[in-house]
Amino acid sequence: MCGRFSLNIGPKFDDRFGLGDHLELAPKYEATPGQILPIILKDNVNQVGLMKWGIGQNLFNARAETITEKFTFKHLVYSQRCLVPASGFFEWQKTPSKKIPFYFSLKDVPLFAFAGLFDNSTFTIITTAPNDLVAPIHDRMPVILPQSQESLWLDPQSDIAQVLPLLQPYPASEMSLKQL
């Protein structure tokens, strides 16, 4: 599950996501479901949309394994895909006495994107099975798309058979972990 993430928007945000216009967006050090957040959409060119995190009854995550089956998501995965810019995400490890927070990010990559779906003015983040770094902390993780695959995911003309294989755990060796 991904219920919190950070987005450190800096001067390279526009270039990183191929945006033509410079945008004045504030960083989000702890983005939470229900907030209005920037996502990247494609309509001939990449553009930013400001949408609420959570489709329908607070469906802020969608399982990669079932998005083609679930009523809420099955029509979106074909043509309403988006990128959710992020700098890292939080997960909590449950212990008998408390929950311990951890922060996951990518090594030497200050800004990346989760695979997402949007509907009207809302979006959801797609999750998958955890990689070896996340697994000891949590049983799910957001799908982090390599930058080289983002345009394929965004393109509404991409065939579903091309995009579903992208919904894999990100390599653990390319991520870092920090206990908070």
C-alpha atoms as a PDB file:
ATOM      1  CA  MET A   1       0.000   0.000   0.000  1.00  0.00           C
ATOM      2  CA  CYS A   2       1.134   3.533  -0.565  1.00  0.00           C
ATOM      3  CA  GLY A   3      -0.612   5.930   1.789  1.00  0.00           C
ATOM      4  CA  ARG A   4       2.004   8.687   2.062  1.00  0.00           C
ATOM      5  CA  PHE A   5       4.667  10.019  -0.255  1.00  0.00           C
ATOM      6  CA  SER A   6       6.854  13.076  -0.682  1.00  0.00           C
ATOM      7  CA  LEU A   7       7.303  15.334  -3.678  1.00  0.00           C
ATOM      8  CA  ASN A   8      10.202  17.762  -3.602  1.00  0.00           C
ATOM      9  CA  ILE A   9       9.425  19.960  -6.564  1.00  0.00           C
ATOM     10  CA  GLY A  10      12.451  21.905  -7.684  1.00  0.00           C
ATOM     11  CA  PRO A  11      13.581  23.924 -10.679  1.00  0.00           C
ATOM     12  CA  LYS A  12      14.102  20.790 -12.796  1.00  0.00           C
ATOM     13  CA  PHE A  13      10.537  19.480 -12.376  1.00  0.00           C
ATOM     14  CA  ASP A  14       9.347  20.861 -15.745  1.00  0.00           C
ATOM     15  CA  ASP A  15      12.326  19.435 -17.633  1.00  0.00           C
ATOM     16  CA  ARG A  16      12.146  16.071 -15.862  1.00  0.00           C
ATOM     17  CA  PHE A  17       8.583  15.473 -17.043  1.00  0.00           C
ATOM     18  CA  GLY A  18       8.851  17.153 -20.447  1.00  0.00           C
ATOM     19  CA  LEU A  19       6.554  20.041 -19.609  1.00  0.00           C
ATOM     20  CA  GLY A  20       6.604  23.099 -21.833  1.00  0.00           C
ATOM     21  CA  ASP A  21       5.446  25.604 -19.242  1.00  0.00           C
ATOM     22  CA  HIS A  22       7.162  26.500 -15.987  1.00  0.00           C
ATOM     23  CA  LEU A  23       4.870  25.710 -13.097  1.00  0.00           C
ATOM     24  CA  GLU A  24       4.845  27.167  -9.610  1.00  0.00           C
ATOM     25  CA  LEU A  25       4.064  24.143  -7.471  1.00  0.00           C
ATOM     26  CA  ALA A  26       4.817  23.802  -3.786  1.00  0.00           C
ATOM     27  CA  PRO A  27       6.692  20.778  -2.453  1.00  0.00           C
ATOM     28  CA  LYS A  28       4.719  18.191  -0.514  1.00  0.00           C
ATOM     29  CA  TYR A  29       6.760  16.654   2.243  1.00  0.00           C
ATOM     30  CA  GLU A  30       3.955  14.287   3.195  1.00  0.00           C
ATOM     31  CA  ALA A  31       1.267  13.920   0.542  1.00  0.00           C
ATOM     32  CA  THR A  32      -1.792  12.087   1.836  1.00  0.00           C
ATOM     33  CA  PRO A  33      -4.989  10.667   0.309  1.00  0.00           C
ATOM     34  CA  GLY A  34      -7.649  13.307  -0.211  1.00  0.00           C
ATOM     35  CA  GLN A  35      -5.157  16.058  -1.083  1.00  0.00           C
ATOM     36  CA  ILE A  36      -5.047  17.851  -4.427  1.00  0.00           C
ATOM     37  CA  LEU A  37      -1.725  16.884  -5.998  1.00  0.00           C
ATOM     38  CA  PRO A  38       0.015  17.204  -9.367  1.00  0.00           C
ATOM     39  CA  ILE A  39      -0.065  14.316 -11.820  1.00  0.00           C
ATOM     40  CA  ILE A  40       1.335  14.097 -15.333  1.00  0.00           C
ATOM     41  CA  LEU A  41      -1.086  13.442 -18.205  1.00  0.00           C
ATOM     42  CA  LYS A  42      -0.535  13.158 -21.929  1.00  0.00           C
ATOM     43  CA  ASP A  43      -2.707  14.979 -24.438  1.00  0.00           C
ATOM     44  CA  ASN A  44      -0.395  15.280 -27.452  1.00  0.00           C
ATOM     45  CA  VAL A  45       2.196  16.689 -25.014  1.00  0.00           C
ATOM     46  CA  ASN A  46       2.842  16.085 -21.323  1.00  0.00           C
ATOM     47  CA  GLN A  47       0.919  18.367 -19.009  1.00  0.00           C
ATOM     48  CA  VAL A  48       0.251  18.710 -15.311  1.00  0.00           C
ATOM     49  CA  GLY A  49      -3.178  18.114 -13.862  1.00  0.00           C
ATOM     50  CA  LEU A  50      -4.092  18.921 -10.281  1.00  0.00           C
ATOM     51  CA  MET A  51      -6.334  16.156  -8.968  1.00  0.00           C
ATOM     52  CA  LYS A  52      -7.548  14.655  -5.706  1.00  0.00           C
ATOM     53  CA  TRP A  53      -5.760  11.518  -4.556  1.00  0.00           C
ATOM     54  CA  GLY A  54      -8.440   8.839  -4.241  1.00  0.00           C
ATOM     55  CA  ILE A  55     -10.988   7.557  -6.751  1.00  0.00           C
ATOM     56  CA  GLY A  56     -14.545   6.865  -5.598  1.00  0.00           C
ATOM     57  CA  GLN A  57     -14.784   5.840  -1.961  1.00  0.00           C
ATOM     58  CA  ASN A  58     -11.158   6.685  -1.144  1.00  0.00           C
ATOM     59  CA  LEU A  59      -9.597   4.112  -3.444  1.00  0.00           C
ATOM     60  CA  PHE A  60      -6.165   5.679  -3.254  1.00  0.00           C
ATOM     61  CA  ASN A  61      -4.378   2.501  -4.396  1.00  0.00           C
ATOM     62  CA  ALA A  62      -5.131  -0.018  -7.134  1.00  0.00           C
ATOM     63  CA  ARG A  63      -3.562  -3.487  -7.176  1.00  0.00           C
ATOM     64  CA  ALA A  64      -1.601  -4.139 -10.380  1.00  0.00           C
ATOM     65  CA  GLU A  65      -2.704  -7.774 -10.336  1.00  0.00           C
ATOM     66  CA  THR A  66      -6.414  -6.929 -10.574  1.00  0.00           C
ATOM     67  CA  ILE A  67      -6.732  -3.574 -12.384  1.00  0.00           C
ATOM     68  CA  THR A  68      -8.092  -5.220 -15.528  1.00  0.00           C
ATOM     69  CA  GLU A  69     -10.773  -6.999 -13.475  1.00  0.00           C
ATOM     70  CA  LYS A  70     -11.988  -4.476 -10.886  1.00  0.00           C
ATOM     71  CA  PHE A  71     -14.994  -2.445 -12.022  1.00  0.00           C
ATOM     72  CA  THR A  72     -13.570   0.882 -10.859  1.00  0.00           C
ATOM     73  CA  PHE A  73     -10.252   0.493 -12.669  1.00  0.00           C
ATOM     74  CA  LYS A  74     -10.692  -1.813 -15.661  1.00  0.00           C
ATOM     75  CA  HIS A  75     -11.822   0.913 -18.074  1.00  0.00           C
ATOM     76  CA  LEU A  76      -9.193   3.425 -16.838  1.00  0.00           C
ATOM     77  CA  VAL A  77      -6.151   1.240 -17.473  1.00  0.00           C
ATOM     78  CA  TYR A  78      -6.787   1.322 -21.226  1.00  0.00           C
ATOM     79  CA  SER A  79      -6.583   5.073 -21.790  1.00  0.00           C
ATOM     80  CA  GLN A  80      -6.534   7.069 -18.538  1.00  0.00           C
ATOM     81  CA  ARG A  81      -3.062   6.371 -17.272  1.00  0.00           C
ATOM     82  CA  CYS A  82      -0.970   9.005 -15.519  1.00  0.00           C
ATOM     83  CA  LEU A  83       2.321   9.527 -13.752  1.00  0.00           C
ATOM     84  CA  VAL A  84       2.353  10.529 -10.112  1.00  0.00           C
ATOM     85  CA  PRO A  85       5.581  12.478  -9.473  1.00  0.00           C
ATOM     86  CA  ALA A  86       7.346  11.584  -6.232  1.00  0.00           C
ATOM     87  CA  SER A  87      10.636  11.875  -4.380  1.00  0.00           C
ATOM     88  CA  GLY A  88       9.995   8.972  -2.014  1.00  0.00           C
ATOM     89  CA  PHE A  89       7.310   7.097  -0.108  1.00  0.00           C
ATOM     90  CA  PHE A  90       6.622   6.112   3.479  1.00  0.00           C
ATOM     91  CA  GLU A  91       5.675   2.743   4.937  1.00  0.00           C
ATOM     92  CA  TRP A  92       5.209   1.652   8.533  1.00  0.00           C
ATOM     93  CA  GLN A  93       6.422  -1.622   9.991  1.00  0.00           C
ATOM     94  CA  LYS A  94       4.011  -3.033  12.544  1.00  0.00           C
ATOM     95  CA  THR A  95       5.525  -4.353  15.756  1.00  0.00           C
ATOM     96  CA  PRO A  96       3.681  -5.659  18.825  1.00  0.00           C
ATOM     97  CA  SER A  97       4.030  -2.294  20.569  1.00  0.00           C
ATOM     98  CA  LYS A  98       4.085   0.332  17.814  1.00  0.00           C
ATOM     99  CA  LYS A  99       4.472   1.199  14.132  1.00  0.00           C
ATOM    100  CA  ILE A 100       7.941   2.203  12.939  1.00  0.00           C
ATOM    101  CA  PRO A 101       8.091   4.658   9.991  1.00  0.00           C
ATOM    102  CA  PHE A 102      10.457   4.124   7.062  1.00  0.00           C
ATOM    103  CA  TYR A 103      11.195   6.274   4.036  1.00  0.00           C
ATOM    104  CA  PHE A 104      12.031   4.728   0.649  1.00  0.00           C
ATOM    105  CA  SER A 105      13.625   6.650  -2.210  1.00  0.00           C
ATOM    106  CA  LEU A 106      15.718   5.992  -5.296  1.00  0.00           C
ATOM    107  CA  LYS A 107      19.499   6.212  -5.182  1.00  0.00           C
ATOM    108  CA  ASP A 108      20.747   9.325  -6.989  1.00  0.00           C
ATOM    109  CA  VAL A 109      17.287  10.018  -8.478  1.00  0.00           C
ATOM    110  CA  PRO A 110      15.621  12.969  -6.733  1.00  0.00           C
ATOM    111  CA  LEU A 111      12.408  12.817  -8.755  1.00  0.00           C
ATOM    112  CA  PHE A 112      10.635   9.790 -10.227  1.00  0.00           C
ATOM    113  CA  ALA A 113       7.077   8.655 -11.004  1.00  0.00           C
ATOM    114  CA  PHE A 114       4.575   6.108  -9.771  1.00  0.00           C
ATOM    115  CA  ALA A 115       2.217   4.478 -12.266  1.00  0.00           C
ATOM    116  CA  GLY A 116      -1.273   5.854 -11.766  1.00  0.00           C
ATOM    117  CA  LEU A 117      -4.787   5.983 -13.169  1.00  0.00           C
ATOM    118  CA  PHE A 118      -7.120   8.972 -13.272  1.00  0.00           C
ATOM    119  CA  ASP A 119     -10.851   9.537 -13.599  1.00  0.00           C
ATOM    120  CA  ASN A 120     -12.394  13.000 -13.941  1.00  0.00           C
ATOM    121  CA  SER A 121     -10.636  14.975 -11.180  1.00  0.00           C
ATOM    122  CA  THR A 122      -9.238  12.095  -9.110  1.00  0.00           C
ATOM    123  CA  PHE A 123      -6.351   9.628  -9.334  1.00  0.00           C
ATOM    124  CA  THR A 124      -5.020   6.453  -7.759  1.00  0.00           C
ATOM    125  CA  ILE A 125      -1.537   4.946  -7.424  1.00  0.00           C
ATOM    126  CA  ILE A 126      -0.934   1.407  -8.653  1.00  0.00           C
ATOM    127  CA  THR A 127       0.739  -0.965  -6.193  1.00  0.00           C
ATOM    128  CA  THR A 128       2.461  -4.299  -6.639  1.00  0.00           C
ATOM    129  CA  ALA A 129       4.228  -6.979  -4.610  1.00  0.00           C
ATOM    130  CA  PRO A 130       7.211  -5.599  -2.676  1.00  0.00           C
ATOM    131  CA  ASN A 131      10.826  -5.974  -3.716  1.00  0.00           C
ATOM    132  CA  ASP A 132      13.439  -7.374  -1.315  1.00  0.00           C
ATOM    133  CA  LEU A 133      14.041  -3.973   0.309  1.00  0.00           C
ATOM    134  CA  VAL A 134      10.370  -3.187   1.010  1.00  0.00           C
ATOM    135  CA  ALA A 135       9.201  -6.743   1.886  1.00  0.00           C
ATOM    136  CA  PRO A 136      10.488  -6.785   5.491  1.00  0.00           C
ATOM    137  CA  ILE A 137       8.549  -3.560   6.142  1.00  0.00           C
ATOM    138  CA  HIS A 138       5.345  -3.928   4.113  1.00  0.00           C
ATOM    139  CA  ASP A 139       3.563  -6.398   1.809  1.00  0.00           C
ATOM    140  CA  ARG A 140       2.919  -3.882  -1.026  1.00  0.00           C
ATOM    141  CA  MET A 141       4.791  -1.079  -2.730  1.00  0.00           C
ATOM    142  CA  PRO A 142       3.894   1.536  -5.353  1.00  0.00           C
ATOM    143  CA  VAL A 143       4.823   0.771  -8.948  1.00  0.00           C
ATOM    144  CA  ILE A 144       7.798   2.994  -9.743  1.00  0.00           C
ATOM    145  CA  LEU A 145       8.288   3.350 -13.474  1.00  0.00           C
ATOM    146  CA  PRO A 146      11.790   3.649 -14.902  1.00  0.00           C
ATOM    147  CA  GLN A 147      12.038   6.984 -16.730  1.00  0.00           C
ATOM    148  CA  SER A 148      12.620   5.128 -20.009  1.00  0.00           C
ATOM    149  CA  GLN A 149       9.152   3.513 -19.713  1.00  0.00           C
ATOM    150  CA  GLU A 150       7.122   6.539 -18.642  1.00  0.00           C
ATOM    151  CA  SER A 151       6.171   7.661 -22.153  1.00  0.00           C
ATOM    152  CA  LEU A 152       4.909   4.167 -23.009  1.00  0.00           C
ATOM    153  CA  TRP A 153       2.758   4.159 -19.851  1.00  0.00           C
ATOM    154  CA  LEU A 154       1.395   7.653 -20.546  1.00  0.00           C
ATOM    155  CA  ASP A 155       0.561   7.138 -24.208  1.00  0.00           C
ATOM    156  CA  PRO A 156      -3.184   6.378 -24.473  1.00  0.00           C
ATOM    157  CA  GLN A 157      -2.438   4.600 -27.771  1.00  0.00           C
ATOM    158  CA  SER A 158      -0.164   2.049 -26.085  1.00  0.00           C
ATOM    159  CA  ASP A 159      -1.623  -1.436 -26.201  1.00  0.00           C
ATOM    160  CA  ILE A 160      -2.621  -2.938 -22.855  1.00  0.00           C
ATOM    161  CA  ALA A 161      -0.341  -5.910 -23.562  1.00  0.00           C
ATOM    162  CA  GLN A 162       2.585  -3.457 -23.695  1.00  0.00           C
ATOM    163  CA  VAL A 163       1.815  -1.574 -20.479  1.00  0.00           C
ATOM    164  CA  LEU A 164       0.765  -4.324 -18.054  1.00  0.00           C
ATOM    165  CA  PRO A 165       4.299  -5.847 -17.934  1.00  0.00           C
ATOM    166  CA  LEU A 166       5.561  -2.469 -16.640  1.00  0.00           C
ATOM    167  CA  LEU A 167       3.719  -2.999 -13.349  1.00  0.00           C
ATOM    168  CA  GLN A 168       6.583  -4.710 -11.544  1.00  0.00           C
ATOM    169  CA  PRO A 169       8.487  -4.039  -8.312  1.00  0.00           C
ATOM    170  CA  TYR A 170      11.328  -1.562  -8.805  1.00  0.00           C
ATOM    171  CA  PRO A 171      14.806  -3.124  -8.373  1.00  0.00           C
ATOM    172  CA  ALA A 172      15.739  -3.098  -4.674  1.00  0.00           C
ATOM    173  CA  SER A 173      19.396  -2.471  -5.531  1.00  0.00           C
ATOM    174  CA  GLU A 174      18.452   0.937  -6.967  1.00  0.00           C
ATOM    175  CA  MET A 175      16.541   2.073  -3.871  1.00  0.00           C
ATOM    176  CA  SER A 176      17.512   3.362  -0.446  1.00  0.00           C
ATOM    177  CA  LEU A 177      15.811   2.994   2.936  1.00  0.00           C
ATOM    178  CA  LYS A 178      15.852   5.269   5.959  1.00  0.00           C
ATOM    179  CA  GLN A 179      14.229   4.588   9.320  1.00  0.00           C
ATOM    180  CA  LEU A 180      12.557   7.726  10.661  1.00  0.00           C
END
